[in-house]
Amino acid sequence: MDRGGCQMSGGGGGGGGGGGSDPDRHGMITLEDLESFSEDRLSDSGNGSLEEEGETMEEDEGSDRLLHYWQDVARGHQVDVPQDMAEPIQQLTSNNHGRSHREHIPFTLLTRKEKCGELLYEKRHYEKGHWACITMREDTYEQSICYGFMRIMRYICQQNSLGDYLGMTLPIVTVIRTDENHSVLSNDVTVAYYLPEEHQAQPPHPSDTDIVVEIWPAAIVYTRPFTGPTNEVTIIDQINAMAELLDSPGECVNDSFIVAGYTNPAHSNRQNEIWFLERH
């Protein structure tokens, strides 16, 4: 996780001012928000599902209403969704009507540590693979995630050398950097998307020159699940909690970590993981 890139290795740049932490704020809007908008059983009014609403929007008013809905949601996170996001939002909605369409990043489970039946963490091995990533430096963590995902989403939705929809993979990950005391997040946040298996051999080139497709080397990852929103406060808390659970935390990179997201971050029971990377 070099500061100039987004690989799953090395030690990232330390320090830097994280922006605008507020433990009461909901998690940011991510690429999977946009992808799963028509699936997750959530509603801004609390009495319906996004699946139903997404289908209604497609049938009745199409991409414009989807765009306007996302603009309203994003406004609450101090994020502007531009007009040119209408087509990518529509594509992700129409191409992903079920979780079977989402490819999970392959890994080998090495060990699990449990206590009283509760999972503390897993040790996994991830093979090397192609990832598309972009590093953002917005005023707040949430803004960096939102704007980074929107650009990655354009790459997935035809703004690539194939001119075709590439498909979704999970989790979508963000590489974060901290100071050595794990008390402050850097405002450099890298958003990364694992290329689907069919595109691993020959990854399509992004039209956006700020998106880089890299081969991340094989990595040993210590990962702990957590639920709820992700923001500066919850991430720091999860990093410190994980550090206390590891038998030998010194074997892991100390100032770069990964947050992996599996479900819509607005969901009250959002599924996330914090990843520590073993040093080479």
C-alpha atoms as a PDB file:
ATOM      1  CA  MET A   1       0.000   0.000   0.000  1.00  0.00           C
ATOM      2  CA  ASP A   2       2.506   2.476  -1.209  1.00  0.00           C
ATOM      3  CA  ARG A   3       1.394   6.080  -0.865  1.00  0.00           C
ATOM      4  CA  GLY A   4       1.777   6.573  -4.596  1.00  0.00           C
ATOM      5  CA  GLY A   5      -0.263   3.512  -5.464  1.00  0.00           C
ATOM      6  CA  CYS A   6      -2.720   1.075  -4.001  1.00  0.00           C
ATOM      7  CA  GLN A   7      -1.062  -2.302  -3.837  1.00  0.00           C
ATOM      8  CA  MET A   8      -1.687  -4.693  -0.974  1.00  0.00           C
ATOM      9  CA  SER A   9       1.915  -4.503   0.223  1.00  0.00           C
ATOM     10  CA  GLY A  10       4.426  -2.217   1.871  1.00  0.00           C
ATOM     11  CA  GLY A  11       3.792   0.485   4.418  1.00  0.00           C
ATOM     12  CA  GLY A  12       1.841   3.548   3.368  1.00  0.00           C
ATOM     13  CA  GLY A  13       2.538   7.180   4.058  1.00  0.00           C
ATOM     14  CA  GLY A  14       1.802   8.140   7.614  1.00  0.00           C
ATOM     15  CA  GLY A  15       0.109  11.070   9.245  1.00  0.00           C
ATOM     16  CA  GLY A  16      -1.924  13.698   7.518  1.00  0.00           C
ATOM     17  CA  GLY A  17      -5.094  15.356   8.626  1.00  0.00           C
ATOM     18  CA  GLY A  18      -8.218  13.286   8.430  1.00  0.00           C
ATOM     19  CA  GLY A  19     -11.252  15.447   7.858  1.00  0.00           C
ATOM     20  CA  GLY A  20     -14.595  15.986   9.461  1.00  0.00           C
ATOM     21  CA  SER A  21     -15.095  12.989  11.699  1.00  0.00           C
ATOM     22  CA  ASP A  22     -18.515  12.748  13.240  1.00  0.00           C
ATOM     23  CA  PRO A  23     -19.568   9.543  14.967  1.00  0.00           C
ATOM     24  CA  ASP A  24     -23.237  10.334  14.447  1.00  0.00           C
ATOM     25  CA  ARG A  25     -23.018  10.541  10.664  1.00  0.00           C
ATOM     26  CA  HIS A  26     -24.072   7.596   8.538  1.00  0.00           C
ATOM     27  CA  GLY A  27     -21.572   5.820   6.285  1.00  0.00           C
ATOM     28  CA  MET A  28     -20.682   7.289   2.942  1.00  0.00           C
ATOM     29  CA  ILE A  29     -22.313   6.446  -0.350  1.00  0.00           C
ATOM     30  CA  THR A  30     -20.190   3.915  -2.158  1.00  0.00           C
ATOM     31  CA  LEU A  31     -20.099   2.182  -5.497  1.00  0.00           C
ATOM     32  CA  GLU A  32     -22.107  -0.676  -4.048  1.00  0.00           C
ATOM     33  CA  ASP A  33     -24.749   1.790  -2.928  1.00  0.00           C
ATOM     34  CA  LEU A  34     -25.223   2.646  -6.569  1.00  0.00           C
ATOM     35  CA  GLU A  35     -24.938  -0.958  -7.723  1.00  0.00           C
ATOM     36  CA  SER A  36     -27.258  -2.385  -5.099  1.00  0.00           C
ATOM     37  CA  PHE A  37     -29.710   0.484  -5.038  1.00  0.00           C
ATOM     38  CA  SER A  38     -32.388  -1.609  -6.716  1.00  0.00           C
ATOM     39  CA  GLU A  39     -31.792  -4.630  -4.450  1.00  0.00           C
ATOM     40  CA  ASP A  40     -31.262  -3.823  -0.788  1.00  0.00           C
ATOM     41  CA  ARG A  41     -34.440  -3.792   1.234  1.00  0.00           C
ATOM     42  CA  LEU A  42     -34.104  -0.239   2.474  1.00  0.00           C
ATOM     43  CA  SER A  43     -36.122   2.915   1.996  1.00  0.00           C
ATOM     44  CA  ASP A  44     -35.627   6.567   2.761  1.00  0.00           C
ATOM     45  CA  SER A  45     -39.127   6.530   4.208  1.00  0.00           C
ATOM     46  CA  GLY A  46     -38.655   3.238   6.021  1.00  0.00           C
ATOM     47  CA  ASN A  47     -41.699   1.549   4.464  1.00  0.00           C
ATOM     48  CA  GLY A  48     -40.601  -0.088   1.278  1.00  0.00           C
ATOM     49  CA  SER A  49     -37.610  -1.626  -0.434  1.00  0.00           C
ATOM     50  CA  LEU A  50     -35.099  -0.082  -2.776  1.00  0.00           C
ATOM     51  CA  GLU A  51     -35.683  -3.041  -5.050  1.00  0.00           C
ATOM     52  CA  GLU A  52     -39.288  -2.010  -5.491  1.00  0.00           C
ATOM     53  CA  GLU A  53     -38.470   1.652  -5.762  1.00  0.00           C
ATOM     54  CA  GLY A  54     -35.626   1.038  -8.213  1.00  0.00           C
ATOM     55  CA  GLU A  55     -37.871  -1.003 -10.464  1.00  0.00           C
ATOM     56  CA  THR A  56     -40.579   1.656 -10.281  1.00  0.00           C
ATOM     57  CA  MET A  57     -38.092   4.338 -11.219  1.00  0.00           C
ATOM     58  CA  GLU A  58     -36.873   2.300 -14.169  1.00  0.00           C
ATOM     59  CA  GLU A  59     -40.369   1.666 -15.433  1.00  0.00           C
ATOM     60  CA  ASP A  60     -41.852   5.096 -14.809  1.00  0.00           C
ATOM     61  CA  GLU A  61     -39.196   7.690 -15.342  1.00  0.00           C
ATOM     62  CA  GLY A  62     -35.916   5.882 -15.955  1.00  0.00           C
ATOM     63  CA  SER A  63     -32.456   7.177 -15.364  1.00  0.00           C
ATOM     64  CA  ASP A  64     -33.390  10.776 -14.573  1.00  0.00           C
ATOM     65  CA  ARG A  65     -35.356   9.815 -11.503  1.00  0.00           C
ATOM     66  CA  LEU A  66     -32.621   7.415 -10.372  1.00  0.00           C
ATOM     67  CA  LEU A  67     -30.127  10.245 -10.733  1.00  0.00           C
ATOM     68  CA  HIS A  68     -32.303  12.707  -8.834  1.00  0.00           C
ATOM     69  CA  TYR A  69     -32.798  10.215  -6.026  1.00  0.00           C
ATOM     70  CA  TRP A  70     -29.056   9.715  -5.700  1.00  0.00           C
ATOM     71  CA  GLN A  71     -28.449  13.438  -5.817  1.00  0.00           C
ATOM     72  CA  ASP A  72     -30.824  13.837  -2.873  1.00  0.00           C
ATOM     73  CA  VAL A  73     -29.138  11.058  -0.903  1.00  0.00           C
ATOM     74  CA  ALA A  74     -25.634  12.349  -1.677  1.00  0.00           C
ATOM     75  CA  ARG A  75     -26.505  15.872  -0.594  1.00  0.00           C
ATOM     76  CA  GLY A  76     -26.773  14.603   2.956  1.00  0.00           C
ATOM     77  CA  HIS A  77     -23.150  13.505   2.725  1.00  0.00           C
ATOM     78  CA  GLN A  78     -21.978  16.828   1.248  1.00  0.00           C
ATOM     79  CA  VAL A  79     -21.428  15.170  -2.115  1.00  0.00           C
ATOM     80  CA  ASP A  80     -22.629  16.333  -5.528  1.00  0.00           C
ATOM     81  CA  VAL A  81     -23.646  13.651  -8.042  1.00  0.00           C
ATOM     82  CA  PRO A  82     -23.159  15.167 -11.519  1.00  0.00           C
ATOM     83  CA  GLN A  83     -25.570  14.787 -14.403  1.00  0.00           C
ATOM     84  CA  ASP A  84     -23.213  12.494 -16.306  1.00  0.00           C
ATOM     85  CA  MET A  85     -23.650   9.841 -13.596  1.00  0.00           C
ATOM     86  CA  ALA A  86     -27.201   9.135 -14.830  1.00  0.00           C
ATOM     87  CA  GLU A  87     -26.099   6.500 -17.359  1.00  0.00           C
ATOM     88  CA  PRO A  88     -23.655   4.617 -15.075  1.00  0.00           C
ATOM     89  CA  ILE A  89     -26.264   4.526 -12.292  1.00  0.00           C
ATOM     90  CA  GLN A  90     -28.829   3.181 -14.742  1.00  0.00           C
ATOM     91  CA  GLN A  91     -26.402   0.561 -16.072  1.00  0.00           C
ATOM     92  CA  LEU A  92     -25.486  -0.771 -12.654  1.00  0.00           C
ATOM     93  CA  THR A  93     -29.130  -0.898 -11.657  1.00  0.00           C
ATOM     94  CA  SER A  94     -30.240  -2.739 -14.792  1.00  0.00           C
ATOM     95  CA  ASN A  95     -27.261  -5.123 -14.898  1.00  0.00           C
ATOM     96  CA  ASN A  96     -27.449  -6.234 -11.273  1.00  0.00           C
ATOM     97  CA  HIS A  97     -30.832  -7.548 -10.224  1.00  0.00           C
ATOM     98  CA  GLY A  98     -29.536 -10.196  -7.850  1.00  0.00           C
ATOM     99  CA  ARG A  99     -26.571 -11.025  -5.658  1.00  0.00           C
ATOM    100  CA  SER A 100     -25.699 -13.934  -7.953  1.00  0.00           C
ATOM    101  CA  HIS A 101     -24.345 -11.344 -10.385  1.00  0.00           C
ATOM    102  CA  ARG A 102     -21.670 -10.272  -7.899  1.00  0.00           C
ATOM    103  CA  GLU A 103     -18.365 -12.093  -8.020  1.00  0.00           C
ATOM    104  CA  HIS A 104     -16.530 -12.408  -4.707  1.00  0.00           C
ATOM    105  CA  ILE A 105     -12.777 -11.935  -4.508  1.00  0.00           C
ATOM    106  CA  PRO A 106     -11.249 -15.413  -4.105  1.00  0.00           C
ATOM    107  CA  PHE A 107      -9.116 -16.252  -1.071  1.00  0.00           C
ATOM    108  CA  THR A 108      -7.877 -19.228   0.929  1.00  0.00           C
ATOM    109  CA  LEU A 109      -8.776 -19.356   4.613  1.00  0.00           C
ATOM    110  CA  LEU A 110      -5.671 -20.209   6.642  1.00  0.00           C
ATOM    111  CA  THR A 111      -6.834 -19.978  10.248  1.00  0.00           C
ATOM    112  CA  ARG A 112      -9.671 -18.657  12.394  1.00  0.00           C
ATOM    113  CA  LYS A 113      -9.317 -17.388  15.938  1.00  0.00           C
ATOM    114  CA  GLU A 114     -12.418 -17.618  18.101  1.00  0.00           C
ATOM    115  CA  LYS A 115     -13.230 -17.003  21.745  1.00  0.00           C
ATOM    116  CA  CYS A 116     -16.342 -18.419  23.399  1.00  0.00           C
ATOM    117  CA  GLY A 117     -17.789 -19.112  19.979  1.00  0.00           C
ATOM    118  CA  GLU A 118     -17.223 -15.554  18.735  1.00  0.00           C
ATOM    119  CA  LEU A 119     -15.032 -14.967  15.696  1.00  0.00           C
ATOM    120  CA  LEU A 120     -12.155 -12.662  16.599  1.00  0.00           C
ATOM    121  CA  TYR A 121     -10.376 -12.674  13.262  1.00  0.00           C
ATOM    122  CA  GLU A 122      -9.461 -14.769  10.223  1.00  0.00           C
ATOM    123  CA  LYS A 123      -6.116 -15.199   8.522  1.00  0.00           C
ATOM    124  CA  ARG A 124      -6.500 -15.416   4.747  1.00  0.00           C
ATOM    125  CA  HIS A 125      -4.308 -15.709   1.683  1.00  0.00           C
ATOM    126  CA  TYR A 126      -5.230 -13.651  -1.372  1.00  0.00           C
ATOM    127  CA  GLU A 127      -3.586 -14.458  -4.697  1.00  0.00           C
ATOM    128  CA  LYS A 128      -2.127 -11.723  -6.846  1.00  0.00           C
ATOM    129  CA  GLY A 129      -4.606 -10.059  -9.155  1.00  0.00           C
ATOM    130  CA  HIS A 130      -5.515  -6.982 -11.154  1.00  0.00           C
ATOM    131  CA  TRP A 131      -7.212  -4.141  -9.308  1.00  0.00           C
ATOM    132  CA  ALA A 132      -8.435  -0.779 -10.624  1.00  0.00           C
ATOM    133  CA  CYS A 133      -7.810   1.960  -8.093  1.00  0.00           C
ATOM    134  CA  ILE A 134      -7.857   5.688  -7.655  1.00  0.00           C
ATOM    135  CA  THR A 135      -6.484   7.811  -4.821  1.00  0.00           C
ATOM    136  CA  MET A 136      -8.618  10.742  -3.706  1.00  0.00           C
ATOM    137  CA  ARG A 137      -7.745  13.675  -1.460  1.00  0.00           C
ATOM    138  CA  GLU A 138     -11.041  15.393  -0.679  1.00  0.00           C
ATOM    139  CA  ASP A 139     -11.741  17.395   2.479  1.00  0.00           C
ATOM    140  CA  THR A 140     -13.368  14.460   4.284  1.00  0.00           C
ATOM    141  CA  TYR A 141     -13.051  10.695   4.191  1.00  0.00           C
ATOM    142  CA  GLU A 142     -16.653  10.279   3.044  1.00  0.00           C
ATOM    143  CA  GLN A 143     -16.212  12.712   0.181  1.00  0.00           C
ATOM    144  CA  SER A 144     -13.082  10.914  -1.011  1.00  0.00           C
ATOM    145  CA  ILE A 145     -14.924   7.595  -0.973  1.00  0.00           C
ATOM    146  CA  CYS A 146     -17.964   8.933  -2.782  1.00  0.00           C
ATOM    147  CA  TYR A 147     -16.101  10.729  -5.540  1.00  0.00           C
ATOM    148  CA  GLY A 148     -13.637   7.890  -5.934  1.00  0.00           C
ATOM    149  CA  PHE A 149     -16.390   5.303  -6.320  1.00  0.00           C
ATOM    150  CA  MET A 150     -18.234   7.385  -8.876  1.00  0.00           C
ATOM    151  CA  ARG A 151     -15.112   7.470 -11.036  1.00  0.00           C
ATOM    152  CA  ILE A 152     -14.530   3.740 -10.614  1.00  0.00           C
ATOM    153  CA  MET A 153     -18.168   3.183 -11.517  1.00  0.00           C
ATOM    154  CA  ARG A 154     -17.718   5.025 -14.796  1.00  0.00           C
ATOM    155  CA  TYR A 155     -14.843   2.649 -15.557  1.00  0.00           C
ATOM    156  CA  ILE A 156     -17.046  -0.372 -14.812  1.00  0.00           C
ATOM    157  CA  CYS A 157     -19.851   1.065 -16.940  1.00  0.00           C
ATOM    158  CA  GLN A 158     -18.288   1.323 -20.407  1.00  0.00           C
ATOM    159  CA  GLN A 159     -15.664   4.047 -19.865  1.00  0.00           C
ATOM    160  CA  ASN A 160     -12.986   1.492 -20.639  1.00  0.00           C
ATOM    161  CA  SER A 161     -11.144   0.182 -23.677  1.00  0.00           C
ATOM    162  CA  LEU A 162     -13.769  -2.510 -24.266  1.00  0.00           C
ATOM    163  CA  GLY A 163     -16.624  -0.021 -24.157  1.00  0.00           C
ATOM    164  CA  ASP A 164     -18.583  -2.633 -22.229  1.00  0.00           C
ATOM    165  CA  TYR A 165     -20.024  -3.215 -18.753  1.00  0.00           C
ATOM    166  CA  LEU A 166     -17.383  -5.123 -16.747  1.00  0.00           C
ATOM    167  CA  GLY A 167     -19.424  -6.539 -13.852  1.00  0.00           C
ATOM    168  CA  MET A 168     -19.362  -6.150 -10.085  1.00  0.00           C
ATOM    169  CA  THR A 169     -17.068  -7.786  -7.543  1.00  0.00           C
ATOM    170  CA  LEU A 170     -17.161  -7.771  -3.743  1.00  0.00           C
ATOM    171  CA  PRO A 171     -15.869  -6.442  -1.509  1.00  0.00           C
ATOM    172  CA  ILE A 172     -15.106  -2.950  -2.710  1.00  0.00           C
ATOM    173  CA  VAL A 173     -12.120  -1.882  -0.649  1.00  0.00           C
ATOM    174  CA  THR A 174     -10.603   1.382   0.498  1.00  0.00           C
ATOM    175  CA  VAL A 175      -6.967   1.706   1.472  1.00  0.00           C
ATOM    176  CA  ILE A 176      -6.480   4.090   4.373  1.00  0.00           C
ATOM    177  CA  ARG A 177      -3.397   5.504   6.030  1.00  0.00           C
ATOM    178  CA  THR A 178      -2.885   6.470   9.659  1.00  0.00           C
ATOM    179  CA  ASP A 179      -0.213   7.847  11.921  1.00  0.00           C
ATOM    180  CA  GLU A 180       1.834   5.327  13.915  1.00  0.00           C
ATOM    181  CA  ASN A 181      -0.452   5.720  16.936  1.00  0.00           C
ATOM    182  CA  HIS A 182      -3.564   4.872  14.895  1.00  0.00           C
ATOM    183  CA  SER A 183      -5.244   8.083  15.998  1.00  0.00           C
ATOM    184  CA  VAL A 184      -5.558  10.094  12.762  1.00  0.00           C
ATOM    185  CA  LEU A 185      -6.554   9.128   9.224  1.00  0.00           C
ATOM    186  CA  SER A 186      -4.738  10.669   6.300  1.00  0.00           C
ATOM    187  CA  ASN A 187      -6.977  12.410   3.798  1.00  0.00           C
ATOM    188  CA  ASP A 188      -5.388  10.274   1.063  1.00  0.00           C
ATOM    189  CA  VAL A 189      -7.934   7.494   0.481  1.00  0.00           C
ATOM    190  CA  THR A 190      -7.571   4.860  -2.228  1.00  0.00           C
ATOM    191  CA  VAL A 191     -10.673   3.234  -3.670  1.00  0.00           C
ATOM    192  CA  ALA A 192     -10.060  -0.164  -5.268  1.00  0.00           C
ATOM    193  CA  TYR A 193     -12.094  -2.580  -7.396  1.00  0.00           C
ATOM    194  CA  TYR A 194     -11.042  -6.155  -8.127  1.00  0.00           C
ATOM    195  CA  LEU A 195     -11.422  -7.024 -11.809  1.00  0.00           C
ATOM    196  CA  PRO A 196     -13.841  -9.906 -12.486  1.00  0.00           C
ATOM    197  CA  GLU A 197     -12.203 -13.218 -13.349  1.00  0.00           C
ATOM    198  CA  GLU A 198     -12.996 -12.911 -17.067  1.00  0.00           C
ATOM    199  CA  HIS A 199     -10.993  -9.659 -17.225  1.00  0.00           C
ATOM    200  CA  GLN A 200      -8.035 -10.672 -15.033  1.00  0.00           C
ATOM    201  CA  ALA A 201      -5.849 -11.860 -17.936  1.00  0.00           C
ATOM    202  CA  GLN A 202      -6.399  -8.735 -20.029  1.00  0.00           C
ATOM    203  CA  PRO A 203      -7.803  -5.870 -17.934  1.00  0.00           C
ATOM    204  CA  PRO A 204      -9.556  -3.161 -19.940  1.00  0.00           C
ATOM    205  CA  HIS A 205      -7.799   0.195 -19.842  1.00  0.00           C
ATOM    206  CA  PRO A 206      -9.664   3.004 -18.042  1.00  0.00           C
ATOM    207  CA  SER A 207     -10.641   6.110 -19.959  1.00  0.00           C
ATOM    208  CA  ASP A 208      -9.989   8.078 -16.749  1.00  0.00           C
ATOM    209  CA  THR A 209      -6.220   8.581 -16.595  1.00  0.00           C
ATOM    210  CA  ASP A 210      -6.335   8.894 -12.794  1.00  0.00           C
ATOM    211  CA  ILE A 211      -7.539   5.305 -12.480  1.00  0.00           C
ATOM    212  CA  VAL A 212      -4.642   2.873 -12.456  1.00  0.00           C
ATOM    213  CA  VAL A 213      -4.939  -0.867 -13.092  1.00  0.00           C
ATOM    214  CA  GLU A 214      -2.248  -2.627 -11.084  1.00  0.00           C
ATOM    215  CA  ILE A 215      -1.244  -6.149 -10.202  1.00  0.00           C
ATOM    216  CA  TRP A 216      -1.482  -6.423  -6.428  1.00  0.00           C
ATOM    217  CA  PRO A 217       0.890  -9.105  -5.164  1.00  0.00           C
ATOM    218  CA  ALA A 218      -0.284 -12.086  -3.154  1.00  0.00           C
ATOM    219  CA  ALA A 219      -0.925 -11.115   0.460  1.00  0.00           C
ATOM    220  CA  ILE A 220      -1.610 -12.571   3.875  1.00  0.00           C
ATOM    221  CA  VAL A 221      -4.518 -10.682   5.420  1.00  0.00           C
ATOM    222  CA  TYR A 222      -5.795 -10.657   8.999  1.00  0.00           C
ATOM    223  CA  THR A 223      -9.438  -9.648   8.854  1.00  0.00           C
ATOM    224  CA  ARG A 224     -12.125  -8.915  11.432  1.00  0.00           C
ATOM    225  CA  PRO A 225     -15.808  -8.330  10.634  1.00  0.00           C
ATOM    226  CA  PHE A 226     -17.770  -5.407  11.995  1.00  0.00           C
ATOM    227  CA  THR A 227     -21.202  -3.961  11.346  1.00  0.00           C
ATOM    228  CA  GLY A 228     -22.573  -0.469  11.035  1.00  0.00           C
ATOM    229  CA  PRO A 229     -21.405   2.757   9.387  1.00  0.00           C
ATOM    230  CA  THR A 230     -17.818   3.481   8.385  1.00  0.00           C
ATOM    231  CA  ASN A 231     -16.333   6.877   9.150  1.00  0.00           C
ATOM    232  CA  GLU A 232     -13.168   8.266  10.685  1.00  0.00           C
ATOM    233  CA  VAL A 233     -14.228   7.390  14.227  1.00  0.00           C
ATOM    234  CA  THR A 234     -15.457   3.843  13.600  1.00  0.00           C
ATOM    235  CA  ILE A 235     -12.450   2.984  11.428  1.00  0.00           C
ATOM    236  CA  ILE A 236      -9.931   4.132  14.056  1.00  0.00           C
ATOM    237  CA  ASP A 237     -11.867   2.181  16.685  1.00  0.00           C
ATOM    238  CA  GLN A 238     -11.786  -0.976  14.559  1.00  0.00           C
ATOM    239  CA  ILE A 239      -8.054  -0.648  13.857  1.00  0.00           C
ATOM    240  CA  ASN A 240      -7.265  -0.337  17.557  1.00  0.00           C
ATOM    241  CA  ALA A 241      -9.578  -3.206  18.480  1.00  0.00           C
ATOM    242  CA  MET A 242      -7.948  -5.486  15.897  1.00  0.00           C
ATOM    243  CA  ALA A 243      -4.442  -4.555  17.041  1.00  0.00           C
ATOM    244  CA  GLU A 244      -5.308  -5.686  20.555  1.00  0.00           C
ATOM    245  CA  LEU A 245      -6.596  -9.066  19.332  1.00  0.00           C
ATOM    246  CA  LEU A 246      -3.607 -10.059  17.206  1.00  0.00           C
ATOM    247  CA  ASP A 247      -0.992 -12.243  18.855  1.00  0.00           C
ATOM    248  CA  SER A 248       1.832 -10.511  16.968  1.00  0.00           C
ATOM    249  CA  PRO A 249       0.606  -7.162  15.634  1.00  0.00           C
ATOM    250  CA  GLY A 250       4.198  -6.195  14.836  1.00  0.00           C
ATOM    251  CA  GLU A 251       4.128  -8.676  11.973  1.00  0.00           C
ATOM    252  CA  CYS A 252       1.604  -6.474  10.160  1.00  0.00           C
ATOM    253  CA  VAL A 253       1.950  -3.178   8.325  1.00  0.00           C
ATOM    254  CA  ASN A 254       1.404  -0.501  10.971  1.00  0.00           C
ATOM    255  CA  ASP A 255       0.227   2.573   9.071  1.00  0.00           C
ATOM    256  CA  SER A 256      -1.836   1.299   6.122  1.00  0.00           C
ATOM    257  CA  PHE A 257      -5.056  -0.689   6.398  1.00  0.00           C
ATOM    258  CA  ILE A 258      -8.008  -1.755   4.283  1.00  0.00           C
ATOM    259  CA  VAL A 259     -11.727  -1.330   4.898  1.00  0.00           C
ATOM    260  CA  ALA A 260     -13.756  -3.880   2.923  1.00  0.00           C
ATOM    261  CA  GLY A 261     -17.450  -3.236   2.310  1.00  0.00           C
ATOM    262  CA  TYR A 262     -19.948  -5.941   1.374  1.00  0.00           C
ATOM    263  CA  THR A 263     -23.328  -4.244   1.764  1.00  0.00           C
ATOM    264  CA  ASN A 264     -24.977  -0.875   1.398  1.00  0.00           C
ATOM    265  CA  PRO A 265     -23.356   1.434   3.994  1.00  0.00           C
ATOM    266  CA  ALA A 266     -26.673   3.106   4.730  1.00  0.00           C
ATOM    267  CA  HIS A 267     -27.959  -0.243   5.967  1.00  0.00           C
ATOM    268  CA  SER A 268     -28.369  -0.364   9.743  1.00  0.00           C
ATOM    269  CA  ASN A 269     -26.575  -3.723   9.787  1.00  0.00           C
ATOM    270  CA  ARG A 270     -23.896  -3.044   7.193  1.00  0.00           C
ATOM    271  CA  GLN A 271     -21.319  -5.814   6.795  1.00  0.00           C
ATOM    272  CA  ASN A 272     -17.709  -4.635   6.763  1.00  0.00           C
ATOM    273  CA  GLU A 273     -14.243  -5.934   7.512  1.00  0.00           C
ATOM    274  CA  ILE A 274     -11.021  -4.315   8.660  1.00  0.00           C
ATOM    275  CA  TRP A 275      -7.923  -5.842   7.034  1.00  0.00           C
ATOM    276  CA  PHE A 276      -4.386  -5.870   8.424  1.00  0.00           C
ATOM    277  CA  LEU A 277      -1.670  -6.866   5.924  1.00  0.00           C
ATOM    278  CA  GLU A 278       1.202  -9.102   6.970  1.00  0.00           C
ATOM    279  CA  ARG A 279       4.626  -7.650   6.240  1.00  0.00           C
ATOM    280  CA  HIS A 280       6.656  -9.359   3.532  1.00  0.00           C
END
